Amino acid sequence: MRAAEEPQKNAMMLGVGLDGKDGHKRVTKGDNFCLVGGSEETHEAMTETAIKVNEKLARKGKHLSEVSREEFADLLREASGK
């Protein structure tokens, strides 16, 4: 009898911009992220941050589902420059 395998965890970053007033519907999907809405500037900043988080995860050899909330918060702060 085989030991039960742990179910695979999934994780995704979801970004929602609420300052879009120009009528454009912005949606950007990438590896483990989906971004919707926002002004052009906000959407661009969200996209840049999500890509940087993915790059930092890749350098660490980790997947988003493998990091703790605290580690994710640190990665997000570093990626956004805040």
C-alpha atoms as a PDB file:
ATOM      1  CA  MET A   1       0.000   0.000   0.000  1.00  0.00           C
ATOM      2  CA  ARG A   2       1.401   3.391  -0.981  1.00  0.00           C
ATOM      3  CA  ALA A   3       1.478   6.313   1.384  1.00  0.00           C
ATOM      4  CA  ALA A   4      -0.986   9.018   0.476  1.00  0.00           C
ATOM      5  CA  GLU A   5       0.635  11.868  -1.394  1.00  0.00           C
ATOM      6  CA  GLU A   6       0.105  15.422  -0.227  1.00  0.00           C
ATOM      7  CA  PRO A   7      -2.176  17.372  -2.545  1.00  0.00           C
ATOM      8  CA  GLN A   8      -0.356  19.927  -4.666  1.00  0.00           C
ATOM      9  CA  LYS A   9      -0.805  23.487  -3.453  1.00  0.00           C
ATOM     10  CA  ASN A  10      -1.582  26.240  -5.929  1.00  0.00           C
ATOM     11  CA  ALA A  11      -1.094  29.944  -5.496  1.00  0.00           C
ATOM     12  CA  MET A  12      -1.762  32.994  -7.622  1.00  0.00           C
ATOM     13  CA  MET A  13      -1.226  36.717  -7.240  1.00  0.00           C
ATOM     14  CA  LEU A  14      -4.310  38.777  -8.026  1.00  0.00           C
ATOM     15  CA  GLY A  15      -3.979  42.507  -8.559  1.00  0.00           C
ATOM     16  CA  VAL A  16      -6.994  44.794  -8.834  1.00  0.00           C
ATOM     17  CA  GLY A  17      -6.560  48.435  -9.788  1.00  0.00           C
ATOM     18  CA  LEU A  18      -9.454  50.676  -8.854  1.00  0.00           C
ATOM     19  CA  ASP A  19      -8.305  54.017 -10.259  1.00  0.00           C
ATOM     20  CA  GLY A  20      -9.030  53.413 -13.969  1.00  0.00           C
ATOM     21  CA  LYS A  21     -11.281  56.173 -15.254  1.00  0.00           C
ATOM     22  CA  ASP A  22     -10.323  56.244 -18.945  1.00  0.00           C
ATOM     23  CA  GLY A  23     -12.694  53.473 -20.071  1.00  0.00           C
ATOM     24  CA  HIS A  24      -9.954  50.965 -20.928  1.00  0.00           C
ATOM     25  CA  LYS A  25     -10.333  47.410 -19.670  1.00  0.00           C
ATOM     26  CA  ARG A  26      -6.863  46.254 -18.701  1.00  0.00           C
ATOM     27  CA  VAL A  27      -6.188  42.570 -18.054  1.00  0.00           C
ATOM     28  CA  THR A  28      -2.728  41.028 -17.842  1.00  0.00           C
ATOM     29  CA  LYS A  29      -2.117  37.350 -17.141  1.00  0.00           C
ATOM     30  CA  GLY A  30       1.220  35.729 -16.496  1.00  0.00           C
ATOM     31  CA  ASP A  31       2.891  32.881 -14.687  1.00  0.00           C
ATOM     32  CA  ASN A  32       0.921  32.681 -11.411  1.00  0.00           C
ATOM     33  CA  PHE A  33      -0.602  36.167 -11.646  1.00  0.00           C
ATOM     34  CA  CYS A  34      -3.667  37.939 -13.015  1.00  0.00           C
ATOM     35  CA  LEU A  35      -4.023  41.721 -12.974  1.00  0.00           C
ATOM     36  CA  VAL A  36      -7.189  43.646 -13.796  1.00  0.00           C
ATOM     37  CA  GLY A  37      -8.194  47.272 -13.954  1.00  0.00           C
ATOM     38  CA  GLY A  38      -6.406  50.373 -12.902  1.00  0.00           C
ATOM     39  CA  SER A  39      -5.104  53.377 -14.756  1.00  0.00           C
ATOM     40  CA  GLU A  40      -2.335  52.807 -17.288  1.00  0.00           C
ATOM     41  CA  GLU A  41       0.234  53.823 -14.660  1.00  0.00           C
ATOM     42  CA  THR A  42      -1.225  51.612 -11.923  1.00  0.00           C
ATOM     43  CA  HIS A  43      -1.590  48.601 -14.205  1.00  0.00           C
ATOM     44  CA  GLU A  44       1.988  48.988 -15.409  1.00  0.00           C
ATOM     45  CA  ALA A  45       3.244  49.182 -11.810  1.00  0.00           C
ATOM     46  CA  MET A  46       1.272  46.047 -10.845  1.00  0.00           C
ATOM     47  CA  THR A  47       2.662  44.183 -13.859  1.00  0.00           C
ATOM     48  CA  GLU A  48       6.226  45.209 -13.102  1.00  0.00           C
ATOM     49  CA  THR A  49       5.856  44.155  -9.461  1.00  0.00           C
ATOM     50  CA  ALA A  50       4.358  40.742 -10.316  1.00  0.00           C
ATOM     51  CA  ILE A  51       7.159  40.042 -12.802  1.00  0.00           C
ATOM     52  CA  LYS A  52       9.814  41.055 -10.260  1.00  0.00           C
ATOM     53  CA  VAL A  53       8.256  38.792  -7.610  1.00  0.00           C
ATOM     54  CA  ASN A  54       8.400  35.895 -10.087  1.00  0.00           C
ATOM     55  CA  GLU A  55      12.037  36.692 -10.890  1.00  0.00           C
ATOM     56  CA  LYS A  56      12.934  36.743  -7.177  1.00  0.00           C
ATOM     57  CA  LEU A  57      11.145  33.419  -6.659  1.00  0.00           C
ATOM     58  CA  ALA A  58      13.016  31.895  -9.611  1.00  0.00           C
ATOM     59  CA  ARG A  59      16.367  33.038  -8.205  1.00  0.00           C
ATOM     60  CA  LYS A  60      15.449  31.329  -4.917  1.00  0.00           C
ATOM     61  CA  GLY A  61      14.351  28.188  -6.768  1.00  0.00           C
ATOM     62  CA  LYS A  62      10.876  28.411  -5.243  1.00  0.00           C
ATOM     63  CA  HIS A  63       7.302  28.503  -6.439  1.00  0.00           C
ATOM     64  CA  LEU A  64       4.749  30.969  -5.092  1.00  0.00           C
ATOM     65  CA  SER A  65       2.921  28.141  -3.320  1.00  0.00           C
ATOM     66  CA  GLU A  66       6.079  27.316  -1.345  1.00  0.00           C
ATOM     67  CA  VAL A  67       6.608  30.652   0.412  1.00  0.00           C
ATOM     68  CA  SER A  68       5.094  31.743   3.705  1.00  0.00           C
ATOM     69  CA  ARG A  69       2.911  34.829   3.972  1.00  0.00           C
ATOM     70  CA  GLU A  70       5.780  36.661   5.628  1.00  0.00           C
ATOM     71  CA  GLU A  71       8.249  35.720   2.884  1.00  0.00           C
ATOM     72  CA  PHE A  72       5.713  36.730   0.224  1.00  0.00           C
ATOM     73  CA  ALA A  73       5.187  40.097   1.931  1.00  0.00           C
ATOM     74  CA  ASP A  74       8.967  40.635   1.973  1.00  0.00           C
ATOM     75  CA  LEU A  75       9.249  39.723  -1.714  1.00  0.00           C
ATOM     76  CA  LEU A  76       6.395  42.070  -2.564  1.00  0.00           C
ATOM     77  CA  ARG A  77       7.975  44.969  -0.635  1.00  0.00           C
ATOM     78  CA  GLU A  78      11.322  44.394  -2.340  1.00  0.00           C
ATOM     79  CA  ALA A  79       9.738  44.109  -5.792  1.00  0.00           C
ATOM     80  CA  SER A  80       7.612  47.225  -5.411  1.00  0.00           C
ATOM     81  CA  GLY A  81      10.397  49.301  -3.876  1.00  0.00           C
ATOM     82  CA  LYS A  82       8.330  50.106  -0.780  1.00  0.00           C
END
